[in-house]
PDB file of all heavy atoms in Angstrom:
ATOM      1  N   ASP A   1       0.805  -1.230  -0.009  1.00  0.00           N
ATOM      2  CA  ASP A   1      -0.001   0.000   0.004  1.00  0.00           C
ATOM      3  C   ASP A   1       0.836   1.285   0.001  1.00  0.00           C
ATOM      4  O   ASP A   1       0.284   2.391   0.043  1.00  0.00           O
ATOM      5  CB  ASP A   1      -0.922   0.032   1.229  1.00  0.00           C
ATOM      6  CG  ASP A   1      -1.877  -1.137   1.276  1.00  0.00           C
ATOM      7  OD1 ASP A   1      -2.249  -1.651   0.187  1.00  0.00           O
ATOM      8  OD2 ASP A   1      -2.249  -1.574   2.388  1.00  0.00           O
ATOM      9  N   MET A   2       2.153   1.163  -0.060  1.00  0.00           N
ATOM     10  CA  MET A   2       3.014   2.330   0.209  1.00  0.00           C
ATOM     11  C   MET A   2       3.199   3.248  -0.994  1.00  0.00           C
ATOM     12  O   MET A   2       3.792   4.322  -0.874  1.00  0.00           O
ATOM     13  CB  MET A   2       4.398   1.837   0.697  1.00  0.00           C
ATOM     14  CG  MET A   2       5.222   2.926   1.343  1.00  0.00           C
ATOM     15  SD  MET A   2       6.672   2.273   2.234  1.00  0.00           S
ATOM     16  CE  MET A   2       7.608   1.522   0.898  1.00  0.00           C
ATOM     17  N   VAL A   3       2.726   2.879  -2.187  1.00  0.00           N
ATOM     18  CA  VAL A   3       3.028   3.675  -3.370  1.00  0.00           C
ATOM     19  C   VAL A   3       1.789   3.994  -4.175  1.00  0.00           C
ATOM     20  O   VAL A   3       0.875   3.168  -4.323  1.00  0.00           O
ATOM     21  CB  VAL A   3       4.075   2.934  -4.260  1.00  0.00           C
ATOM     22  CG1 VAL A   3       3.539   1.616  -4.778  1.00  0.00           C
ATOM     23  CG2 VAL A   3       4.531   3.823  -5.421  1.00  0.00           C
ATOM     24  N   TYR A   4       1.739   5.241  -4.671  1.00  0.00           N
ATOM     25  CA  TYR A   4       0.827   5.656  -5.729  1.00  0.00           C
ATOM     26  C   TYR A   4       1.671   5.889  -6.981  1.00  0.00           C
ATOM     27  O   TYR A   4       2.641   6.647  -6.935  1.00  0.00           O
ATOM     28  CB  TYR A   4       0.131   6.982  -5.397  1.00  0.00           C
ATOM     29  CG  TYR A   4      -0.739   7.027  -4.174  1.00  0.00           C
ATOM     30  CD1 TYR A   4      -0.742   8.169  -3.375  1.00  0.00           C
ATOM     31  CD2 TYR A   4      -1.577   5.981  -3.831  1.00  0.00           C
ATOM     32  CE1 TYR A   4      -1.573   8.264  -2.261  1.00  0.00           C
ATOM     33  CE2 TYR A   4      -2.408   6.061  -2.715  1.00  0.00           C
ATOM     34  CZ  TYR A   4      -2.383   7.202  -1.932  1.00  0.00           C
ATOM     35  OH  TYR A   4      -3.198   7.306  -0.821  1.00  0.00           O
ATOM     36  N   GLN A   5       1.310   5.254  -8.086  1.00  0.00           N
ATOM     37  CA  GLN A   5       2.034   5.466  -9.330  1.00  0.00           C
ATOM     38  C   GLN A   5       1.153   6.235 -10.314  1.00  0.00           C
ATOM     39  O   GLN A   5      -0.033   5.920 -10.472  1.00  0.00           O
ATOM     40  CB  GLN A   5       2.470   4.128  -9.960  1.00  0.00           C
ATOM     41  CG  GLN A   5       3.271   4.331 -11.244  1.00  0.00           C
ATOM     42  CD  GLN A   5       3.791   3.037 -11.824  1.00  0.00           C
ATOM     43  OE1 GLN A   5       4.767   3.023 -12.582  1.00  0.00           O
ATOM     44  NE2 GLN A   5       3.176   1.922 -11.500  1.00  0.00           N
ATOM     45  N   PHE A   6       1.755   7.224 -10.992  1.00  0.00           N
ATOM     46  CA  PHE A   6       1.009   8.079 -11.906  1.00  0.00           C
ATOM     47  C   PHE A   6       1.626   8.043 -13.303  1.00  0.00           C
ATOM     48  O   PHE A   6       2.833   7.846 -13.464  1.00  0.00           O
ATOM     49  CB  PHE A   6       1.027   9.535 -11.397  1.00  0.00           C
ATOM     50  CG  PHE A   6       0.622   9.678  -9.959  1.00  0.00           C
ATOM     51  CD1 PHE A   6       1.574   9.642  -8.956  1.00  0.00           C
ATOM     52  CD2 PHE A   6      -0.702   9.838  -9.606  1.00  0.00           C
ATOM     53  CE1 PHE A   6       1.214   9.775  -7.616  1.00  0.00           C
ATOM     54  CE2 PHE A   6      -1.089   9.976  -8.277  1.00  0.00           C
ATOM     55  CZ  PHE A   6      -0.119   9.939  -7.290  1.00  0.00           C
ATOM     56  N   CYS A   7       0.759   8.269 -14.298  1.00  0.00           N
ATOM     57  CA  CYS A   7       1.221   8.230 -15.683  1.00  0.00           C
ATOM     58  C   CYS A   7       0.195   9.010 -16.521  1.00  0.00           C
ATOM     59  O   CYS A   7      -0.980   9.113 -16.138  1.00  0.00           O
ATOM     60  CB  CYS A   7       1.332   6.792 -16.172  1.00  0.00           C
ATOM     61  SG  CYS A   7       1.905   6.597 -17.851  1.00  0.00           S
ATOM     62  N   SER A   8       0.620   9.529 -17.667  1.00  0.00           N
ATOM     63  CA  SER A   8      -0.324  10.212 -18.551  1.00  0.00           C
ATOM     64  C   SER A   8       0.205  10.185 -19.983  1.00  0.00           C
ATOM     65  O   SER A   8       1.358   9.839 -20.226  1.00  0.00           O
ATOM     66  CB  SER A   8      -0.566  11.659 -18.111  1.00  0.00           C
ATOM     67  OG  SER A   8       0.489  12.496 -18.564  1.00  0.00           O
ATOM     68  N   THR A   9      -0.655  10.582 -20.908  1.00  0.00           N
ATOM     69  CA  THR A   9      -0.257  10.722 -22.313  1.00  0.00           C
ATOM     70  C   THR A   9      -0.073  12.194 -22.674  1.00  0.00           C
ATOM     71  O   THR A   9      -0.128  12.565 -23.841  1.00  0.00           O
ATOM     72  CB  THR A   9      -1.291  10.097 -23.270  1.00  0.00           C
ATOM     73  OG1 THR A   9      -2.496  10.879 -23.238  1.00  0.00           O
ATOM     74  CG2 THR A   9      -1.597   8.657 -22.895  1.00  0.00           C
ATOM     75  N   SER A  10       0.175  13.035 -21.680  1.00  0.00           N
ATOM     76  CA  SER A  10       0.259  14.476 -21.936  1.00  0.00           C
ATOM     77  C   SER A  10       1.308  14.853 -22.964  1.00  0.00           C
ATOM     78  O   SER A  10       1.114  15.776 -23.737  1.00  0.00           O
ATOM     79  CB  SER A  10       0.533  15.224 -20.619  1.00  0.00           C
ATOM     80  OG  SER A  10      -0.617  15.236 -19.812  1.00  0.00           O
ATOM     81  N   LYS A  11       2.436  14.170 -22.972  1.00  0.00           N
ATOM     82  CA  LYS A  11       3.486  14.450 -23.956  1.00  0.00           C
ATOM     83  C   LYS A  11       3.566  13.306 -24.973  1.00  0.00           C
ATOM     84  O   LYS A  11       4.568  13.183 -25.693  1.00  0.00           O
ATOM     85  CB  LYS A  11       4.825  14.655 -23.262  1.00  0.00           C
ATOM     86  CG  LYS A  11       4.901  15.946 -22.439  1.00  0.00           C
ATOM     87  CD  LYS A  11       6.276  16.093 -21.825  1.00  0.00           C
ATOM     88  CE  LYS A  11       6.447  17.434 -21.134  1.00  0.00           C
ATOM     89  NZ  LYS A  11       5.656  17.545 -19.914  1.00  0.00           N
ATOM     90  N   VAL A  12       2.520  12.497 -25.028  1.00  0.00           N
ATOM     91  CA  VAL A  12       2.429  11.410 -25.994  1.00  0.00           C
ATOM     92  C   VAL A  12       1.451  11.785 -27.114  1.00  0.00           C
ATOM     93  O   VAL A  12       1.759  11.631 -28.295  1.00  0.00           O
ATOM     94  CB  VAL A  12       1.962  10.108 -25.320  1.00  0.00           C
ATOM     95  CG1 VAL A  12       1.740   9.002 -26.340  1.00  0.00           C
ATOM     96  CG2 VAL A  12       2.979   9.663 -24.256  1.00  0.00           C
ATOM     97  N   THR A  13       0.292  12.321 -26.707  1.00  0.00           N
ATOM     98  CA  THR A  13      -0.705  12.741 -27.706  1.00  0.00           C
ATOM     99  C   THR A  13      -0.850  14.250 -27.621  1.00  0.00           C
ATOM    100  O   THR A  13      -0.018  14.980 -28.124  1.00  0.00           O
ATOM    101  CB  THR A  13      -2.041  12.009 -27.475  1.00  0.00           C
ATOM    102  OG1 THR A  13      -2.487  12.194 -26.121  1.00  0.00           O
ATOM    103  CG2 THR A  13      -1.886  10.522 -27.763  1.00  0.00           C
ATOM    104  N   PHE A  14      -1.907  14.711 -26.964  1.00  0.00           N
ATOM    105  CA  PHE A  14      -2.146  16.149 -26.836  1.00  0.00           C
ATOM    106  C   PHE A  14      -2.017  16.567 -25.376  1.00  0.00           C
ATOM    107  O   PHE A  14      -2.698  16.032 -24.516  1.00  0.00           O
ATOM    108  CB  PHE A  14      -3.540  16.513 -27.361  1.00  0.00           C
ATOM    109  CG  PHE A  14      -3.777  16.078 -28.789  1.00  0.00           C
ATOM    110  CD1 PHE A  14      -4.872  15.295 -29.116  1.00  0.00           C
ATOM    111  CD2 PHE A  14      -2.908  16.458 -29.796  1.00  0.00           C
ATOM    112  CE1 PHE A  14      -5.100  14.896 -30.424  1.00  0.00           C
ATOM    113  CE2 PHE A  14      -3.120  16.062 -31.107  1.00  0.00           C
ATOM    114  CZ  PHE A  14      -4.212  15.282 -31.425  1.00  0.00           C
ATOM    115  N   SER A  15      -1.185  17.548 -25.128  1.00  0.00           N
ATOM    116  CA  SER A  15      -0.892  17.914 -23.741  1.00  0.00           C
ATOM    117  C   SER A  15      -2.132  18.366 -22.985  1.00  0.00           C
ATOM    118  O   SER A  15      -2.246  18.125 -21.781  1.00  0.00           O
ATOM    119  CB  SER A  15       0.154  19.033 -23.707  1.00  0.00           C
ATOM    120  OG  SER A  15       1.356  18.580 -24.318  1.00  0.00           O
ATOM    121  N   GLY A  16      -3.061  18.997 -23.639  1.00  0.00           N
ATOM    122  CA  GLY A  16      -4.269  19.442 -22.957  1.00  0.00           C
ATOM    123  C   GLY A  16      -5.434  18.494 -23.096  1.00  0.00           C
ATOM    124  O   GLY A  16      -6.512  18.766 -22.556  1.00  0.00           O
ATOM    125  N   ALA A  17      -5.238  17.396 -23.818  1.00  0.00           N
ATOM    126  CA  ALA A  17      -6.374  16.500 -24.091  1.00  0.00           C
ATOM    127  C   ALA A  17      -5.942  15.043 -24.138  1.00  0.00           C
ATOM    128  O   ALA A  17      -6.423  14.270 -24.954  1.00  0.00           O
ATOM    129  CB  ALA A  17      -7.047  16.898 -25.404  1.00  0.00           C
ATOM    130  N   GLY A  18      -5.025  14.678 -23.239  1.00  0.00           N
ATOM    131  CA  GLY A  18      -4.619  13.291 -23.139  1.00  0.00           C
ATOM    132  C   GLY A  18      -5.450  12.552 -22.119  1.00  0.00           C
ATOM    133  O   GLY A  18      -6.562  12.971 -21.772  1.00  0.00           O
ATOM    134  N   VAL A  19      -4.924  11.436 -21.638  1.00  0.00           N
ATOM    135  CA  VAL A  19      -5.546  10.712 -20.535  1.00  0.00           C
ATOM    136  C   VAL A  19      -4.478  10.442 -19.485  1.00  0.00           C
ATOM    137  O   VAL A  19      -3.296  10.263 -19.803  1.00  0.00           O
ATOM    138  CB  VAL A  19      -6.200   9.380 -20.985  1.00  0.00           C
ATOM    139  CG1 VAL A  19      -7.402   9.659 -21.863  1.00  0.00           C
ATOM    140  CG2 VAL A  19      -5.207   8.480 -21.694  1.00  0.00           C
ATOM    141  N   ALA A  20      -4.896  10.437 -18.230  1.00  0.00           N
ATOM    142  CA  ALA A  20      -3.975  10.208 -17.118  1.00  0.00           C
ATOM    143  C   ALA A  20      -4.520   9.109 -16.236  1.00  0.00           C
ATOM    144  O   ALA A  20      -5.732   8.842 -16.217  1.00  0.00           O
ATOM    145  CB  ALA A  20      -3.797  11.499 -16.312  1.00  0.00           C
ATOM    146  N   ALA A  21      -3.626   8.474 -15.471  1.00  0.00           N
ATOM    147  CA  ALA A  21      -4.056   7.330 -14.672  1.00  0.00           C
ATOM    148  C   ALA A  21      -3.220   7.208 -13.409  1.00  0.00           C
ATOM    149  O   ALA A  21      -2.106   7.718 -13.315  1.00  0.00           O
ATOM    150  CB  ALA A  21      -3.960   6.039 -15.479  1.00  0.00           C
ATOM    151  N   ILE A  22      -3.790   6.522 -12.438  1.00  0.00           N
ATOM    152  CA  ILE A  22      -3.095   6.151 -11.211  1.00  0.00           C
ATOM    153  C   ILE A  22      -3.202   4.652 -11.038  1.00  0.00           C
ATOM    154  O   ILE A  22      -4.238   4.055 -11.345  1.00  0.00           O
ATOM    155  CB  ILE A  22      -3.689   6.880  -9.975  1.00  0.00           C
ATOM    156  CG1 ILE A  22      -2.949   6.456  -8.694  1.00  0.00           C
ATOM    157  CG2 ILE A  22      -5.193   6.657  -9.862  1.00  0.00           C
ATOM    158  CD1 ILE A  22      -3.374   7.259  -7.472  1.00  0.00           C
ATOM    159  N   SER A  23      -2.116   4.027 -10.590  1.00  0.00           N
ATOM    160  CA  SER A  23      -2.139   2.605 -10.247  1.00  0.00           C
ATOM    161  C   SER A  23      -1.605   2.434  -8.843  1.00  0.00           C
ATOM    162  O   SER A  23      -0.727   3.175  -8.397  1.00  0.00           O
ATOM    163  CB  SER A  23      -1.296   1.790 -11.238  1.00  0.00           C
ATOM    164  OG  SER A  23       0.062   2.188 -11.216  1.00  0.00           O
ATOM    165  N   SER A  24      -2.135   1.451  -8.124  1.00  0.00           N
ATOM    166  CA  SER A  24      -1.713   1.218  -6.757  1.00  0.00           C
ATOM    167  C   SER A  24      -2.224  -0.127  -6.294  1.00  0.00           C
ATOM    168  O   SER A  24      -2.693  -0.951  -7.101  1.00  0.00           O
ATOM    169  CB  SER A  24      -2.219   2.340  -5.847  1.00  0.00           C
ATOM    170  OG  SER A  24      -1.605   2.297  -4.581  1.00  0.00           O
ATOM    171  N   SER A  25      -2.182  -0.360  -5.008  1.00  0.00           N
ATOM    172  CA  SER A  25      -2.693  -1.617  -4.434  1.00  0.00           C
ATOM    173  C   SER A  25      -4.203  -1.637  -4.474  1.00  0.00           C
ATOM    174  O   SER A  25      -4.849  -0.590  -4.551  1.00  0.00           O
ATOM    175  CB  SER A  25      -2.220  -1.753  -2.993  1.00  0.00           C
ATOM    176  OG  SER A  25      -2.843  -0.756  -2.182  1.00  0.00           O
ATOM    177  N   PRO A  26      -4.819  -2.828  -4.423  1.00  0.00           N
ATOM    178  CA  PRO A  26      -6.288  -2.884  -4.374  1.00  0.00           C
ATOM    179  C   PRO A  26      -6.873  -2.056  -3.229  1.00  0.00           C
ATOM    180  O   PRO A  26      -7.894  -1.399  -3.402  1.00  0.00           O
ATOM    181  CB  PRO A  26      -6.562  -4.380  -4.184  1.00  0.00           C
ATOM    182  CG  PRO A  26      -5.380  -5.058  -4.831  1.00  0.00           C
ATOM    183  CD  PRO A  26      -4.210  -4.168  -4.521  1.00  0.00           C
ATOM    184  N   ALA A  27      -6.203  -2.052  -2.074  1.00  0.00           N
ATOM    185  CA  ALA A  27      -6.726  -1.305  -0.926  1.00  0.00           C
ATOM    186  C   ALA A  27      -6.685   0.206  -1.190  1.00  0.00           C
ATOM    187  O   ALA A  27      -7.639   0.928  -0.872  1.00  0.00           O
ATOM    188  CB  ALA A  27      -5.924  -1.642   0.337  1.00  0.00           C
ATOM    189  N   ASN A  28      -5.580   0.675  -1.761  1.00  0.00           N
ATOM    190  CA  ASN A  28      -5.490   2.100  -2.090  1.00  0.00           C
ATOM    191  C   ASN A  28      -6.512   2.503  -3.137  1.00  0.00           C
ATOM    192  O   ASN A  28      -7.146   3.561  -3.056  1.00  0.00           O
ATOM    193  CB  ASN A  28      -4.087   2.454  -2.585  1.00  0.00           C
ATOM    194  CG  ASN A  28      -3.090   2.677  -1.476  1.00  0.00           C
ATOM    195  OD1 ASN A  28      -3.463   3.083  -0.371  1.00  0.00           O
ATOM    196  ND2 ASN A  28      -1.831   2.422  -1.751  1.00  0.00           N
ATOM    197  N   ILE A  29      -6.662   1.659  -4.170  1.00  0.00           N
ATOM    198  CA  ILE A  29      -7.622   1.968  -5.234  1.00  0.00           C
ATOM    199  C   ILE A  29      -9.039   2.042  -4.674  1.00  0.00           C
ATOM    200  O   ILE A  29      -9.805   2.950  -5.003  1.00  0.00           O
ATOM    201  CB  ILE A  29      -7.533   0.898  -6.354  1.00  0.00           C
ATOM    202  CG1 ILE A  29      -6.188   1.000  -7.092  1.00  0.00           C
ATOM    203  CG2 ILE A  29      -8.695   1.051  -7.332  1.00  0.00           C
ATOM    204  CD1 ILE A  29      -5.962   2.309  -7.809  1.00  0.00           C
ATOM    205  N   ALA A  30      -9.384   1.113  -3.788  1.00  0.00           N
ATOM    206  CA  ALA A  30     -10.722   1.140  -3.177  1.00  0.00           C
ATOM    207  C   ALA A  30     -10.907   2.398  -2.337  1.00  0.00           C
ATOM    208  O   ALA A  30     -11.986   3.017  -2.355  1.00  0.00           O
ATOM    209  CB  ALA A  30     -10.908  -0.109  -2.311  1.00  0.00           C
ATOM    210  N   ASP A  31      -9.869   2.799  -1.614  1.00  0.00           N
ATOM    211  CA  ASP A  31      -9.936   3.995  -0.783  1.00  0.00           C
ATOM    212  C   ASP A  31     -10.142   5.242  -1.645  1.00  0.00           C
ATOM    213  O   ASP A  31     -10.983   6.104  -1.326  1.00  0.00           O
ATOM    214  CB  ASP A  31      -8.646   4.125   0.040  1.00  0.00           C
ATOM    215  CG  ASP A  31      -8.686   5.302   1.001  1.00  0.00           C
ATOM    216  OD1 ASP A  31      -9.644   5.410   1.779  1.00  0.00           O
ATOM    217  OD2 ASP A  31      -7.738   6.115   0.951  1.00  0.00           O
ATOM    218  N   ILE A  32      -9.405   5.327  -2.731  1.00  0.00           N
ATOM    219  CA  ILE A  32      -9.526   6.481  -3.640  1.00  0.00           C
ATOM    220  C   ILE A  32     -10.919   6.527  -4.266  1.00  0.00           C
ATOM    221  O   ILE A  32     -11.564   7.578  -4.306  1.00  0.00           O
ATOM    222  CB  ILE A  32      -8.438   6.425  -4.721  1.00  0.00           C
ATOM    223  CG1 ILE A  32      -7.053   6.637  -4.094  1.00  0.00           C
ATOM    224  CG2 ILE A  32      -8.688   7.469  -5.808  1.00  0.00           C
ATOM    225  CD1 ILE A  32      -5.891   6.337  -5.021  1.00  0.00           C
ATOM    226  N   LYS A  33     -11.381   5.378  -4.733  1.00  0.00           N
ATOM    227  CA  LYS A  33     -12.709   5.342  -5.384  1.00  0.00           C
ATOM    228  C   LYS A  33     -13.829   5.698  -4.418  1.00  0.00           C
ATOM    229  O   LYS A  33     -14.850   6.285  -4.811  1.00  0.00           O
ATOM    230  CB  LYS A  33     -12.949   3.965  -6.004  1.00  0.00           C
ATOM    231  CG  LYS A  33     -12.110   3.695  -7.257  1.00  0.00           C
ATOM    232  CD  LYS A  33     -12.265   2.261  -7.758  1.00  0.00           C
ATOM    233  CE  LYS A  33     -13.643   1.973  -8.268  1.00  0.00           C
ATOM    234  NZ  LYS A  33     -13.707   0.618  -8.864  1.00  0.00           N
ATOM    235  N   SER A  34     -13.675   5.370  -3.144  1.00  0.00           N
ATOM    236  CA  SER A  34     -14.709   5.677  -2.161  1.00  0.00           C
ATOM    237  C   SER A  34     -14.914   7.181  -2.009  1.00  0.00           C
ATOM    238  O   SER A  34     -16.003   7.635  -1.635  1.00  0.00           O
ATOM    239  CB  SER A  34     -14.356   5.058  -0.795  1.00  0.00           C
ATOM    240  OG  SER A  34     -13.283   5.750  -0.166  1.00  0.00           O
ATOM    241  N   ARG A  35     -13.864   7.965  -2.266  1.00  0.00           N
ATOM    242  CA  ARG A  35     -13.975   9.420  -2.217  1.00  0.00           C
ATOM    243  C   ARG A  35     -14.283  10.001  -3.591  1.00  0.00           C
ATOM    244  O   ARG A  35     -15.058  10.953  -3.745  1.00  0.00           O
ATOM    245  CB  ARG A  35     -12.671  10.036  -1.695  1.00  0.00           C
ATOM    246  CG  ARG A  35     -12.226   9.530  -0.337  1.00  0.00           C
ATOM    247  CD  ARG A  35     -13.186   9.920   0.776  1.00  0.00           C
ATOM    248  NE  ARG A  35     -12.723   9.436   2.078  1.00  0.00           N
ATOM    249  CZ  ARG A  35     -13.399   9.579   3.195  1.00  0.00           C
ATOM    250  NH1 ARG A  35     -14.579  10.193   3.192  1.00  0.00           N
ATOM    251  NH2 ARG A  35     -12.930   9.124   4.347  1.00  0.00           N
TER     252      ARG A  35
END
């Protein structure tokens, strides 16, 4: 549960219109989704 990992396509496709994501443990993901 100690890490949040982030990534995006901001410098892959369009900087203002890409997609971004977070990956982590199931417990962290559940906690984030609850909020």
